[in-house]
Amino acid sequence: MRDLIRAAVSRDPAARGFWGAVEVVFTYSGVHAIVMHRFAHLLWELDVPFLPRLISQVTRFFTGIEIHPGAVVGRGFFIDHGMGVVIGETALIGDNVTLYQGVTLGGTGKATGKRHPTIGHDVVIGCGARVLGSIRIGNDVRIGAGSVVVRDVPDDCTVIGVPGRIVRTGDHPVLDHPLAHDAIPDPILRQIEALEARVRDLETRS
């Protein structure tokens, strides 16, 4: 529990000081969902029937967050706001990962076996993003709001768009602040601007 409180206080500017920590304990649905998941996952590992899924569904009812009891979640996990977050059965989540509302770590089709994403350490996934399939998201990755990621992403990258495109790599600093979505470059807009410039150039030549 101390680990969850520390993660929430360090990443949410609304949680300040002692009373901020108290708010985290009593009012943060993301923290409540993770606590219940830890218990449900333990029962899942012990092959207890039915009860882990029941806990998962009751937690979803009260928090709006659905984490399958089979999902493996690392330390320092933080779900901010959280409504609409869905994490599938075979998802593996590393340490110090942050998810925002509406994120889905889901599967594709009716595949069996490992069918959900593996998320590395120190990853931030923006609101409404979808990470789908048995893919690997590397360490220190930022996924922009509303992105749909269906392919592996290497370490130290920023991904945006539908489908997700890498717009920054380790050669260029990833965002100084993970919430600065307005600072992420738009590759499609850049291509359109390049085409417009080309058209203008051709018009002046004719």
N, C-alpha and C. Protein backbone atom coordinates (compact mmCIF):
# COMPACT_ATOMS: atom_id res chain seq x y z
N MET A 1 0.83 -1.20 0.00
CA MET A 1 0.00 0.00 0.00
C MET A 1 0.87 1.26 0.00
N ARG A 2 1.96 1.23 0.76
CA ARG A 2 2.85 2.38 0.81
C ARG A 2 3.42 2.69 -0.57
N ASP A 3 3.73 1.63 -1.31
CA ASP A 3 4.26 1.80 -2.67
C ASP A 3 3.24 2.49 -3.57
N LEU A 4 1.97 2.11 -3.45
CA LEU A 4 0.92 2.71 -4.27
C LEU A 4 0.70 4.17 -3.91
N ILE A 5 0.71 4.47 -2.62
CA ILE A 5 0.53 5.86 -2.19
C ILE A 5 1.68 6.72 -2.69
N ARG A 6 2.91 6.21 -2.56
CA ARG A 6 4.08 6.97 -3.01
C ARG A 6 3.99 7.25 -4.51
N ALA A 7 3.57 6.25 -5.29
CA ALA A 7 3.46 6.43 -6.74
C ALA A 7 2.42 7.50 -7.07
N ALA A 8 1.28 7.46 -6.39
CA ALA A 8 0.21 8.42 -6.67
C ALA A 8 0.63 9.84 -6.30
N VAL A 9 1.23 10.00 -5.13
CA VAL A 9 1.62 11.34 -4.67
C VAL A 9 2.70 11.93 -5.56
N SER A 10 3.65 11.09 -6.02
CA SER A 10 4.75 11.58 -6.83
C SER A 10 4.33 11.95 -8.25
N ARG A 11 3.22 11.37 -8.75
CA ARG A 11 2.85 11.60 -10.15
C ARG A 11 1.59 12.43 -10.33
N ASP A 12 0.87 12.67 -9.27
CA ASP A 12 -0.35 13.48 -9.37
C ASP A 12 -0.16 14.79 -8.62
N PRO A 13 -0.08 15.91 -9.31
CA PRO A 13 0.13 17.18 -8.63
C PRO A 13 -1.03 17.58 -7.71
N ALA A 14 -2.18 16.93 -7.86
CA ALA A 14 -3.32 17.25 -6.99
C ALA A 14 -3.15 16.66 -5.60
N ALA A 15 -2.26 15.66 -5.47
CA ALA A 15 -2.04 15.03 -4.17
C ALA A 15 -0.83 15.66 -3.51
N ARG A 16 -1.08 16.57 -2.57
CA ARG A 16 0.01 17.33 -1.95
C ARG A 16 0.05 17.11 -0.45
N GLY A 17 1.22 16.79 0.06
CA GLY A 17 1.43 16.70 1.49
C GLY A 17 0.68 15.56 2.15
N PHE A 18 0.54 15.69 3.47
CA PHE A 18 -0.10 14.64 4.27
C PHE A 18 -1.54 14.40 3.83
N TRP A 19 -2.31 15.48 3.69
CA TRP A 19 -3.71 15.31 3.33
C TRP A 19 -3.87 14.79 1.91
N GLY A 20 -2.89 15.09 1.06
CA GLY A 20 -2.91 14.50 -0.28
C GLY A 20 -2.79 12.98 -0.21
N ALA A 21 -1.91 12.51 0.68
CA ALA A 21 -1.77 11.06 0.85
C ALA A 21 -3.05 10.45 1.41
N VAL A 22 -3.72 11.18 2.32
CA VAL A 22 -4.99 10.70 2.86
C VAL A 22 -6.04 10.60 1.74
N GLU A 23 -6.06 11.61 0.88
CA GLU A 23 -6.99 11.58 -0.26
C GLU A 23 -6.72 10.38 -1.15
N VAL A 24 -5.45 10.09 -1.39
CA VAL A 24 -5.08 8.94 -2.22
C VAL A 24 -5.69 7.67 -1.64
N VAL A 25 -5.55 7.48 -0.35
CA VAL A 25 -6.03 6.26 0.29
C VAL A 25 -7.55 6.12 0.19
N PHE A 26 -8.27 7.23 0.38
CA PHE A 26 -9.72 7.14 0.51
C PHE A 26 -10.49 7.47 -0.77
N THR A 27 -9.88 8.18 -1.69
CA THR A 27 -10.66 8.67 -2.84
C THR A 27 -10.12 8.30 -4.20
N TYR A 28 -8.96 7.69 -4.31
CA TYR A 28 -8.38 7.40 -5.62
C TYR A 28 -8.81 6.02 -6.10
N SER A 29 -9.70 5.98 -7.08
CA SER A 29 -10.23 4.71 -7.56
C SER A 29 -9.14 3.84 -8.18
N GLY A 30 -8.14 4.46 -8.79
CA GLY A 30 -7.06 3.69 -9.37
C GLY A 30 -6.29 2.90 -8.33
N VAL A 31 -6.05 3.53 -7.18
CA VAL A 31 -5.37 2.84 -6.08
C VAL A 31 -6.24 1.72 -5.54
N HIS A 32 -7.53 1.98 -5.38
CA HIS A 32 -8.44 0.94 -4.89
C HIS A 32 -8.44 -0.26 -5.84
N ALA A 33 -8.48 0.01 -7.13
CA ALA A 33 -8.51 -1.07 -8.12
C ALA A 33 -7.24 -1.92 -8.07
N ILE A 34 -6.09 -1.26 -7.88
CA ILE A 34 -4.83 -2.01 -7.84
C ILE A 34 -4.76 -2.86 -6.58
N VAL A 35 -5.19 -2.32 -5.44
CA VAL A 35 -5.20 -3.09 -4.19
C VAL A 35 -6.05 -4.34 -4.35
N MET A 36 -7.23 -4.19 -4.91
CA MET A 36 -8.12 -5.34 -5.09
C MET A 36 -7.53 -6.32 -6.10
N HIS A 37 -6.85 -5.78 -7.12
CA HIS A 37 -6.23 -6.68 -8.09
C HIS A 37 -5.13 -7.52 -7.44
N ARG A 38 -4.33 -6.90 -6.57
CA ARG A 38 -3.27 -7.67 -5.91
C ARG A 38 -3.87 -8.89 -5.19
N PHE A 39 -4.99 -8.67 -4.52
CA PHE A 39 -5.63 -9.76 -3.79
C PHE A 39 -6.19 -10.80 -4.76
N ALA A 40 -6.88 -10.32 -5.82
CA ALA A 40 -7.47 -11.24 -6.80
C ALA A 40 -6.38 -12.03 -7.52
N HIS A 41 -5.27 -11.36 -7.82
CA HIS A 41 -4.17 -12.05 -8.52
C HIS A 41 -3.56 -13.15 -7.65
N LEU A 42 -3.43 -12.88 -6.36
CA LEU A 42 -2.92 -13.90 -5.45
C LEU A 42 -3.81 -15.14 -5.47
N LEU A 43 -5.11 -14.93 -5.41
CA LEU A 43 -6.05 -16.06 -5.47
C LEU A 43 -5.95 -16.77 -6.81
N TRP A 44 -5.77 -15.98 -7.88
CA TRP A 44 -5.63 -16.56 -9.23
C TRP A 44 -4.40 -17.47 -9.28
N GLU A 45 -3.29 -17.00 -8.71
CA GLU A 45 -2.05 -17.79 -8.68
C GLU A 45 -2.23 -19.08 -7.87
N LEU A 46 -3.12 -19.04 -6.90
CA LEU A 46 -3.39 -20.22 -6.08
C LEU A 46 -4.45 -21.13 -6.70
N ASP A 47 -4.89 -20.79 -7.93
CA ASP A 47 -5.89 -21.58 -8.66
C ASP A 47 -7.23 -21.65 -7.93
N VAL A 48 -7.55 -20.60 -7.19
CA VAL A 48 -8.88 -20.53 -6.56
C VAL A 48 -9.91 -20.26 -7.66
N PRO A 49 -10.94 -21.08 -7.78
CA PRO A 49 -11.93 -20.86 -8.85
C PRO A 49 -12.90 -19.72 -8.53
N PHE A 50 -13.38 -19.09 -9.59
CA PHE A 50 -14.50 -18.14 -9.53
C PHE A 50 -14.23 -16.86 -8.75
N LEU A 51 -13.72 -16.97 -7.52
CA LEU A 51 -13.60 -15.81 -6.64
C LEU A 51 -12.73 -14.69 -7.23
N PRO A 52 -11.58 -15.00 -7.86
CA PRO A 52 -10.78 -13.90 -8.43
C PRO A 52 -11.55 -13.08 -9.47
N ARG A 53 -12.30 -13.75 -10.33
CA ARG A 53 -13.08 -13.03 -11.34
C ARG A 53 -14.21 -12.24 -10.69
N LEU A 54 -14.81 -12.78 -9.65
CA LEU A 54 -15.86 -12.06 -8.94
C LEU A 54 -15.30 -10.78 -8.34
N ILE A 55 -14.13 -10.86 -7.71
CA ILE A 55 -13.49 -9.67 -7.15
C ILE A 55 -13.22 -8.66 -8.24
N SER A 56 -12.74 -9.12 -9.38
CA SER A 56 -12.45 -8.23 -10.51
C SER A 56 -13.69 -7.49 -10.97
N GLN A 57 -14.80 -8.22 -11.06
CA GLN A 57 -16.03 -7.60 -11.55
C GLN A 57 -16.65 -6.65 -10.52
N VAL A 58 -16.56 -6.99 -9.25
CA VAL A 58 -17.04 -6.09 -8.21
C VAL A 58 -16.20 -4.82 -8.20
N THR A 59 -14.90 -4.97 -8.37
CA THR A 59 -14.01 -3.81 -8.43
C THR A 59 -14.37 -2.93 -9.61
N ARG A 60 -14.66 -3.54 -10.75
CA ARG A 60 -15.06 -2.76 -11.92
C ARG A 60 -16.34 -1.98 -11.65
N PHE A 61 -17.27 -2.59 -10.96
CA PHE A 61 -18.53 -1.93 -10.65
C PHE A 61 -18.29 -0.66 -9.83
N PHE A 62 -17.40 -0.73 -8.85
CA PHE A 62 -17.17 0.40 -7.95
C PHE A 62 -16.17 1.42 -8.48
N THR A 63 -15.23 1.01 -9.34
CA THR A 63 -14.17 1.92 -9.77
C THR A 63 -14.21 2.26 -11.26
N GLY A 64 -14.91 1.46 -12.06
CA GLY A 64 -14.87 1.67 -13.51
C GLY A 64 -13.61 1.15 -14.15
N ILE A 65 -12.80 0.42 -13.40
CA ILE A 65 -11.53 -0.11 -13.88
C ILE A 65 -11.60 -1.64 -13.86
N GLU A 66 -11.28 -2.26 -15.00
CA GLU A 66 -11.33 -3.72 -15.07
C GLU A 66 -9.92 -4.26 -15.31
N ILE A 67 -9.40 -4.97 -14.31
CA ILE A 67 -8.10 -5.62 -14.42
C ILE A 67 -8.32 -7.12 -14.23
N HIS A 68 -8.03 -7.88 -15.26
CA HIS A 68 -8.21 -9.33 -15.13
C HIS A 68 -7.28 -9.86 -14.05
N PRO A 69 -7.75 -10.76 -13.20
CA PRO A 69 -6.90 -11.26 -12.12
C PRO A 69 -5.64 -11.97 -12.60
N GLY A 70 -5.62 -12.40 -13.86
CA GLY A 70 -4.43 -13.07 -14.38
C GLY A 70 -3.33 -12.11 -14.79
N ALA A 71 -3.65 -10.83 -14.94
CA ALA A 71 -2.64 -9.84 -15.35
C ALA A 71 -1.58 -9.69 -14.27
N VAL A 72 -0.33 -9.52 -14.71
CA VAL A 72 0.80 -9.34 -13.78
C VAL A 72 1.19 -7.87 -13.78
N VAL A 73 1.17 -7.25 -12.61
CA VAL A 73 1.41 -5.81 -12.49
C VAL A 73 2.61 -5.57 -11.57
N GLY A 74 3.56 -4.75 -12.04
CA GLY A 74 4.77 -4.48 -11.28
C GLY A 74 4.57 -3.45 -10.18
N ARG A 75 5.67 -3.06 -9.56
CA ARG A 75 5.64 -2.09 -8.47
C ARG A 75 5.48 -0.67 -9.02
N GLY A 76 4.96 0.21 -8.17
CA GLY A 76 4.85 1.61 -8.55
C GLY A 76 3.84 1.88 -9.65
N PHE A 77 2.87 0.98 -9.81
CA PHE A 77 1.84 1.14 -10.85
C PHE A 77 0.86 2.22 -10.40
N PHE A 78 0.47 3.09 -11.34
CA PHE A 78 -0.46 4.17 -11.00
C PHE A 78 -1.47 4.35 -12.12
N ILE A 79 -2.74 4.34 -11.77
CA ILE A 79 -3.82 4.62 -12.71
C ILE A 79 -4.45 5.94 -12.29
N ASP A 80 -4.31 6.96 -13.12
CA ASP A 80 -4.82 8.29 -12.79
C ASP A 80 -6.25 8.43 -13.32
N HIS A 81 -7.16 8.81 -12.47
CA HIS A 81 -8.60 8.88 -12.77
C HIS A 81 -9.13 7.48 -13.02
N GLY A 82 -8.77 6.87 -14.14
CA GLY A 82 -8.96 5.44 -14.31
C GLY A 82 -10.23 4.97 -14.98
N MET A 83 -11.29 5.75 -15.01
CA MET A 83 -12.54 5.27 -15.57
C MET A 83 -12.32 4.72 -16.99
N GLY A 84 -12.81 3.50 -17.21
CA GLY A 84 -12.73 2.90 -18.53
C GLY A 84 -11.45 2.15 -18.82
N VAL A 85 -10.53 2.05 -17.87
CA VAL A 85 -9.30 1.29 -18.08
C VAL A 85 -9.63 -0.20 -18.11
N VAL A 86 -9.05 -0.91 -19.09
CA VAL A 86 -9.24 -2.36 -19.22
C VAL A 86 -7.88 -3.00 -19.42
N ILE A 87 -7.56 -4.00 -18.62
CA ILE A 87 -6.29 -4.71 -18.71
C ILE A 87 -6.58 -6.20 -18.82
N GLY A 88 -6.11 -6.81 -19.89
CA GLY A 88 -6.45 -8.20 -20.18
C GLY A 88 -5.68 -9.23 -19.38
N GLU A 89 -6.11 -10.47 -19.53
CA GLU A 89 -5.62 -11.59 -18.71
C GLU A 89 -4.12 -11.82 -18.79
N THR A 90 -3.54 -11.76 -19.98
CA THR A 90 -2.13 -12.11 -20.13
C THR A 90 -1.23 -10.88 -20.24
N ALA A 91 -1.75 -9.72 -19.85
CA ALA A 91 -0.93 -8.51 -19.85
C ALA A 91 0.15 -8.61 -18.77
N LEU A 92 1.34 -8.12 -19.11
CA LEU A 92 2.45 -8.05 -18.16
C LEU A 92 2.88 -6.58 -18.09
N ILE A 93 2.87 -6.02 -16.91
CA ILE A 93 3.16 -4.59 -16.73
C ILE A 93 4.36 -4.45 -15.82
N GLY A 94 5.37 -3.69 -16.27
CA GLY A 94 6.58 -3.50 -15.50
C GLY A 94 6.42 -2.51 -14.36
N ASP A 95 7.53 -2.07 -13.83
CA ASP A 95 7.52 -1.16 -12.68
C ASP A 95 7.34 0.29 -13.11
N ASN A 96 6.72 1.07 -12.23
CA ASN A 96 6.58 2.52 -12.41
C ASN A 96 5.87 2.89 -13.72
N VAL A 97 4.81 2.18 -14.00
CA VAL A 97 3.99 2.44 -15.19
C VAL A 97 2.80 3.30 -14.79
N THR A 98 2.45 4.26 -15.66
CA THR A 98 1.31 5.14 -15.42
C THR A 98 0.31 5.01 -16.56
N LEU A 99 -0.95 4.78 -16.22
CA LEU A 99 -2.03 4.75 -17.20
C LEU A 99 -3.02 5.86 -16.86
N TYR A 100 -3.60 6.45 -17.90
CA TYR A 100 -4.65 7.45 -17.71
C TYR A 100 -5.99 6.86 -18.17
N GLN A 101 -7.06 7.61 -17.97
CA GLN A 101 -8.41 7.08 -18.17
C GLN A 101 -8.61 6.58 -19.59
N GLY A 102 -9.40 5.51 -19.68
CA GLY A 102 -9.77 4.97 -20.97
C GLY A 102 -8.73 4.13 -21.67
N VAL A 103 -7.63 3.80 -21.02
CA VAL A 103 -6.59 2.99 -21.66
C VAL A 103 -7.03 1.53 -21.71
N THR A 104 -6.73 0.88 -22.84
CA THR A 104 -7.00 -0.54 -23.00
C THR A 104 -5.70 -1.27 -23.31
N LEU A 105 -5.39 -2.27 -22.51
CA LEU A 105 -4.31 -3.21 -22.82
C LEU A 105 -5.01 -4.51 -23.18
N GLY A 106 -5.35 -4.64 -24.46
CA GLY A 106 -6.26 -5.70 -24.88
C GLY A 106 -5.66 -6.67 -25.89
N GLY A 107 -6.48 -7.64 -26.26
CA GLY A 107 -6.09 -8.63 -27.26
C GLY A 107 -6.67 -8.29 -28.61
N THR A 108 -6.37 -9.15 -29.57
CA THR A 108 -6.92 -9.00 -30.92
C THR A 108 -7.54 -10.33 -31.33
N GLY A 109 -8.79 -10.29 -31.75
CA GLY A 109 -9.45 -11.51 -32.20
C GLY A 109 -9.64 -12.51 -31.08
N LYS A 110 -9.61 -13.81 -31.47
CA LYS A 110 -9.84 -14.88 -30.50
C LYS A 110 -8.59 -15.73 -30.32
N ALA A 111 -7.43 -15.08 -30.37
CA ALA A 111 -6.18 -15.79 -30.17
C ALA A 111 -6.12 -16.37 -28.77
N THR A 112 -5.37 -17.46 -28.61
CA THR A 112 -5.19 -18.08 -27.30
C THR A 112 -3.75 -17.88 -26.86
N GLY A 113 -3.46 -18.27 -25.62
CA GLY A 113 -2.11 -18.11 -25.11
C GLY A 113 -1.82 -16.66 -24.76
N LYS A 114 -0.59 -16.24 -24.95
CA LYS A 114 -0.18 -14.85 -24.65
C LYS A 114 -0.78 -13.95 -25.73
N ARG A 115 -1.78 -13.18 -25.37
CA ARG A 115 -2.51 -12.41 -26.37
C ARG A 115 -2.66 -10.94 -25.99
N HIS A 116 -2.06 -10.53 -24.88
CA HIS A 116 -2.12 -9.14 -24.44
C HIS A 116 -0.72 -8.57 -24.35
N PRO A 117 -0.59 -7.25 -24.27
CA PRO A 117 0.73 -6.62 -24.34
C PRO A 117 1.62 -6.88 -23.12
N THR A 118 2.91 -6.75 -23.37
CA THR A 118 3.90 -6.70 -22.31
C THR A 118 4.43 -5.27 -22.26
N ILE A 119 4.27 -4.62 -21.13
CA ILE A 119 4.66 -3.22 -20.96
C ILE A 119 5.93 -3.15 -20.12
N GLY A 120 6.93 -2.42 -20.60
CA GLY A 120 8.19 -2.31 -19.88
C GLY A 120 8.10 -1.39 -18.67
N HIS A 121 9.26 -1.02 -18.16
CA HIS A 121 9.33 -0.16 -16.99
C HIS A 121 9.25 1.33 -17.37
N ASP A 122 8.73 2.14 -16.46
CA ASP A 122 8.71 3.60 -16.63
C ASP A 122 7.99 4.03 -17.91
N VAL A 123 6.86 3.43 -18.16
CA VAL A 123 6.05 3.73 -19.34
C VAL A 123 4.86 4.60 -18.94
N VAL A 124 4.51 5.56 -19.79
CA VAL A 124 3.33 6.40 -19.59
C VAL A 124 2.41 6.22 -20.80
N ILE A 125 1.15 5.87 -20.55
CA ILE A 125 0.18 5.66 -21.63
C ILE A 125 -0.96 6.65 -21.44
N GLY A 126 -1.13 7.55 -22.41
CA GLY A 126 -2.09 8.64 -22.32
C GLY A 126 -3.53 8.18 -22.44
N CYS A 127 -4.45 9.08 -22.08
CA CYS A 127 -5.87 8.74 -22.00
C CYS A 127 -6.40 8.29 -23.35
N GLY A 128 -7.22 7.25 -23.30
CA GLY A 128 -7.88 6.73 -24.49
C GLY A 128 -7.00 5.92 -25.40
N ALA A 129 -5.76 5.66 -25.05
CA ALA A 129 -4.86 4.88 -25.91
C ALA A 129 -5.23 3.41 -25.87
N ARG A 130 -4.99 2.71 -26.99
CA ARG A 130 -5.22 1.27 -27.10
C ARG A 130 -3.91 0.60 -27.45
N VAL A 131 -3.50 -0.35 -26.64
CA VAL A 131 -2.32 -1.16 -26.92
C VAL A 131 -2.81 -2.59 -27.04
N LEU A 132 -2.71 -3.15 -28.25
CA LEU A 132 -3.45 -4.37 -28.56
C LEU A 132 -2.54 -5.48 -29.07
N GLY A 133 -2.80 -6.68 -28.60
CA GLY A 133 -2.09 -7.85 -29.09
C GLY A 133 -0.89 -8.22 -28.23
N SER A 134 -0.28 -9.34 -28.58
CA SER A 134 0.88 -9.82 -27.84
C SER A 134 2.13 -9.11 -28.33
N ILE A 135 2.22 -7.82 -28.01
CA ILE A 135 3.33 -7.00 -28.44
C ILE A 135 4.11 -6.54 -27.21
N ARG A 136 5.33 -6.04 -27.46
CA ARG A 136 6.16 -5.55 -26.36
C ARG A 136 6.35 -4.05 -26.49
N ILE A 137 6.06 -3.35 -25.41
CA ILE A 137 6.34 -1.92 -25.31
C ILE A 137 7.58 -1.78 -24.42
N GLY A 138 8.62 -1.16 -24.95
CA GLY A 138 9.90 -1.10 -24.25
C GLY A 138 9.87 -0.20 -23.03
N ASN A 139 11.01 -0.07 -22.40
CA ASN A 139 11.16 0.79 -21.23
C ASN A 139 11.19 2.26 -21.64
N ASP A 140 10.76 3.13 -20.74
CA ASP A 140 10.82 4.59 -20.95
C ASP A 140 10.09 5.02 -22.22
N VAL A 141 8.94 4.42 -22.48
CA VAL A 141 8.13 4.75 -23.65
C VAL A 141 6.98 5.66 -23.23
N ARG A 142 6.63 6.62 -24.10
CA ARG A 142 5.46 7.47 -23.91
C ARG A 142 4.51 7.22 -25.08
N ILE A 143 3.25 6.91 -24.76
CA ILE A 143 2.23 6.69 -25.78
C ILE A 143 1.20 7.79 -25.64
N GLY A 144 1.01 8.57 -26.71
CA GLY A 144 0.14 9.73 -26.67
C GLY A 144 -1.33 9.37 -26.56
N ALA A 145 -2.12 10.33 -26.11
CA ALA A 145 -3.56 10.13 -25.93
C ALA A 145 -4.21 9.75 -27.25
N GLY A 146 -5.11 8.77 -27.20
CA GLY A 146 -5.88 8.35 -28.36
C GLY A 146 -5.14 7.49 -29.35
N SER A 147 -3.90 7.14 -29.09
CA SER A 147 -3.12 6.32 -30.02
C SER A 147 -3.60 4.87 -30.01
N VAL A 148 -3.36 4.18 -31.13
CA VAL A 148 -3.64 2.75 -31.21
C VAL A 148 -2.33 2.06 -31.62
N VAL A 149 -1.79 1.27 -30.72
CA VAL A 149 -0.48 0.64 -30.93
C VAL A 149 -0.68 -0.86 -31.11
N VAL A 150 -0.23 -1.39 -32.24
CA VAL A 150 -0.42 -2.81 -32.55
C VAL A 150 0.90 -3.49 -32.93
N ARG A 151 2.02 -2.77 -32.81
CA ARG A 151 3.33 -3.34 -33.09
C ARG A 151 4.30 -3.03 -31.96
N ASP A 152 5.35 -3.82 -31.89
CA ASP A 152 6.36 -3.61 -30.84
C ASP A 152 6.92 -2.19 -30.90
N VAL A 153 7.26 -1.68 -29.74
CA VAL A 153 7.88 -0.35 -29.63
C VAL A 153 9.19 -0.50 -28.86
N PRO A 154 10.31 -0.05 -29.40
CA PRO A 154 11.58 -0.17 -28.70
C PRO A 154 11.68 0.77 -27.51
N ASP A 155 12.74 0.63 -26.75
CA ASP A 155 12.93 1.48 -25.58
C ASP A 155 13.06 2.95 -25.95
N ASP A 156 12.69 3.80 -25.00
CA ASP A 156 12.95 5.24 -25.07
C ASP A 156 12.38 5.90 -26.32
N CYS A 157 11.08 5.70 -26.52
CA CYS A 157 10.40 6.26 -27.70
C CYS A 157 9.12 6.97 -27.28
N THR A 158 8.66 7.85 -28.16
CA THR A 158 7.34 8.45 -28.02
C THR A 158 6.51 8.02 -29.23
N VAL A 159 5.30 7.53 -28.98
CA VAL A 159 4.44 6.99 -30.03
C VAL A 159 3.12 7.76 -30.02
N ILE A 160 2.64 8.15 -31.20
CA ILE A 160 1.33 8.77 -31.31
C ILE A 160 0.65 8.28 -32.58
N GLY A 161 -0.66 8.49 -32.67
CA GLY A 161 -1.39 8.28 -33.91
C GLY A 161 -2.12 6.97 -33.99
N VAL A 162 -2.87 6.82 -35.11
CA VAL A 162 -3.64 5.62 -35.42
C VAL A 162 -3.31 5.21 -36.85
N PRO A 163 -2.57 4.13 -37.07
CA PRO A 163 -1.90 3.34 -36.03
C PRO A 163 -0.73 4.10 -35.44
N GLY A 164 -0.24 3.65 -34.29
CA GLY A 164 0.81 4.36 -33.59
C GLY A 164 2.09 4.46 -34.40
N ARG A 165 2.67 5.66 -34.41
CA ARG A 165 3.94 5.90 -35.10
C ARG A 165 4.95 6.43 -34.10
N ILE A 166 6.19 6.00 -34.24
CA ILE A 166 7.26 6.51 -33.39
C ILE A 166 7.66 7.89 -33.89
N VAL A 167 7.55 8.89 -33.04
CA VAL A 167 7.89 10.26 -33.44
C VAL A 167 9.12 10.79 -32.72
N ARG A 168 9.54 10.09 -31.67
CA ARG A 168 10.79 10.45 -31.01
C ARG A 168 11.49 9.19 -30.54
N THR A 169 12.82 9.19 -30.62
CA THR A 169 13.61 8.05 -30.17
C THR A 169 14.67 8.53 -29.19
N GLY A 170 15.50 7.62 -28.77
CA GLY A 170 16.53 7.97 -27.82
C GLY A 170 17.51 9.01 -28.33
N ASP A 171 17.60 9.17 -29.65
CA ASP A 171 18.50 10.18 -30.20
C ASP A 171 18.01 11.59 -29.91
N HIS A 172 16.71 11.71 -29.64
CA HIS A 172 16.11 13.00 -29.31
C HIS A 172 15.39 12.84 -27.98
N PRO A 173 15.50 13.78 -27.10
CA PRO A 173 14.90 13.63 -25.76
C PRO A 173 13.40 13.39 -25.84
N VAL A 174 12.94 12.40 -25.10
CA VAL A 174 11.51 12.21 -24.95
C VAL A 174 11.00 13.38 -24.12
N LEU A 175 9.73 13.66 -24.14
CA LEU A 175 9.15 14.82 -23.48
C LEU A 175 9.68 15.02 -22.06
N ASP A 176 10.00 16.25 -21.73
CA ASP A 176 10.44 16.55 -20.37
C ASP A 176 9.34 16.26 -19.37
N HIS A 177 8.11 16.47 -19.80
CA HIS A 177 6.96 16.19 -18.92
C HIS A 177 6.02 15.27 -19.68
N PRO A 178 5.70 14.09 -19.13
CA PRO A 178 4.91 13.11 -19.87
C PRO A 178 3.50 13.55 -20.23
N LEU A 179 2.99 14.61 -19.58
CA LEU A 179 1.64 15.07 -19.88
C LEU A 179 1.60 16.12 -20.98
N ALA A 180 2.76 16.55 -21.49
CA ALA A 180 2.79 17.64 -22.46
C ALA A 180 2.46 17.12 -23.86
N HIS A 181 1.21 16.64 -24.00
CA HIS A 181 0.81 16.07 -25.29
C HIS A 181 0.84 17.11 -26.40
N ASP A 182 0.66 18.38 -26.05
CA ASP A 182 0.67 19.41 -27.08
C ASP A 182 2.07 19.63 -27.66
N ALA A 183 3.09 19.10 -27.00
CA ALA A 183 4.45 19.27 -27.49
C ALA A 183 4.89 18.12 -28.39
N ILE A 184 4.04 17.10 -28.55
CA ILE A 184 4.40 15.96 -29.39
C ILE A 184 4.21 16.34 -30.86
N PRO A 185 5.22 16.10 -31.69
CA PRO A 185 5.08 16.43 -33.11
C PRO A 185 4.03 15.56 -33.79
N ASP A 186 3.39 16.11 -34.81
CA ASP A 186 2.37 15.39 -35.57
C ASP A 186 2.95 15.01 -36.92
N PRO A 187 3.29 13.73 -37.15
CA PRO A 187 3.92 13.34 -38.40
C PRO A 187 3.01 13.52 -39.62
N ILE A 188 1.71 13.32 -39.45
CA ILE A 188 0.79 13.48 -40.58
C ILE A 188 0.72 14.94 -41.00
N LEU A 189 0.61 15.84 -40.00
CA LEU A 189 0.59 17.26 -40.32
C LEU A 189 1.87 17.69 -41.03
N ARG A 190 2.98 17.15 -40.60
CA ARG A 190 4.25 17.49 -41.25
C ARG A 190 4.26 17.06 -42.71
N GLN A 191 3.72 15.88 -42.99
CA GLN A 191 3.66 15.41 -44.37
C GLN A 191 2.74 16.29 -45.22
N ILE A 192 1.61 16.68 -44.65
CA ILE A 192 0.69 17.56 -45.38
C ILE A 192 1.35 18.90 -45.67
N GLU A 193 2.02 19.46 -44.67
CA GLU A 193 2.70 20.73 -44.86
C GLU A 193 3.80 20.62 -45.92
N ALA A 194 4.51 19.49 -45.94
CA ALA A 194 5.54 19.28 -46.95
C ALA A 194 4.93 19.21 -48.35
N LEU A 195 3.78 18.54 -48.47
CA LEU A 195 3.10 18.45 -49.76
C LEU A 195 2.60 19.82 -50.22
N GLU A 196 2.05 20.59 -49.27
CA GLU A 196 1.60 21.94 -49.62
C GLU A 196 2.76 22.80 -50.10
N ALA A 197 3.89 22.68 -49.43
CA ALA A 197 5.06 23.44 -49.85
C ALA A 197 5.52 23.02 -51.24
N ARG A 198 5.45 21.72 -51.51
CA ARG A 198 5.84 21.21 -52.83
C ARG A 198 4.90 21.73 -53.91
N VAL A 199 3.60 21.74 -53.62
CA VAL A 199 2.62 22.24 -54.59
C VAL A 199 2.87 23.72 -54.88
N ARG A 200 3.11 24.52 -53.83
CA ARG A 200 3.40 25.93 -54.02
C ARG A 200 4.65 26.14 -54.88
N ASP A 201 5.64 25.30 -54.63
CA ASP A 201 6.87 25.40 -55.40
C ASP A 201 6.63 25.09 -56.88
N LEU A 202 5.84 24.05 -57.13
CA LEU A 202 5.53 23.70 -58.52
C LEU A 202 4.69 24.76 -59.21
N GLU A 203 3.76 25.40 -58.45
CA GLU A 203 2.92 26.45 -59.03
C GLU A 203 3.76 27.66 -59.42
N THR A 204 4.75 28.00 -58.62
CA THR A 204 5.59 29.17 -58.95
C THR A 204 6.49 28.88 -60.14
N ARG A 205 6.81 27.66 -60.41
CA ARG A 205 7.65 27.29 -61.55
C ARG A 205 6.87 27.31 -62.86
N SER A 206 5.56 27.02 -62.77
CA SER A 206 4.77 26.93 -64.01
C SER A 206 4.40 28.30 -64.57
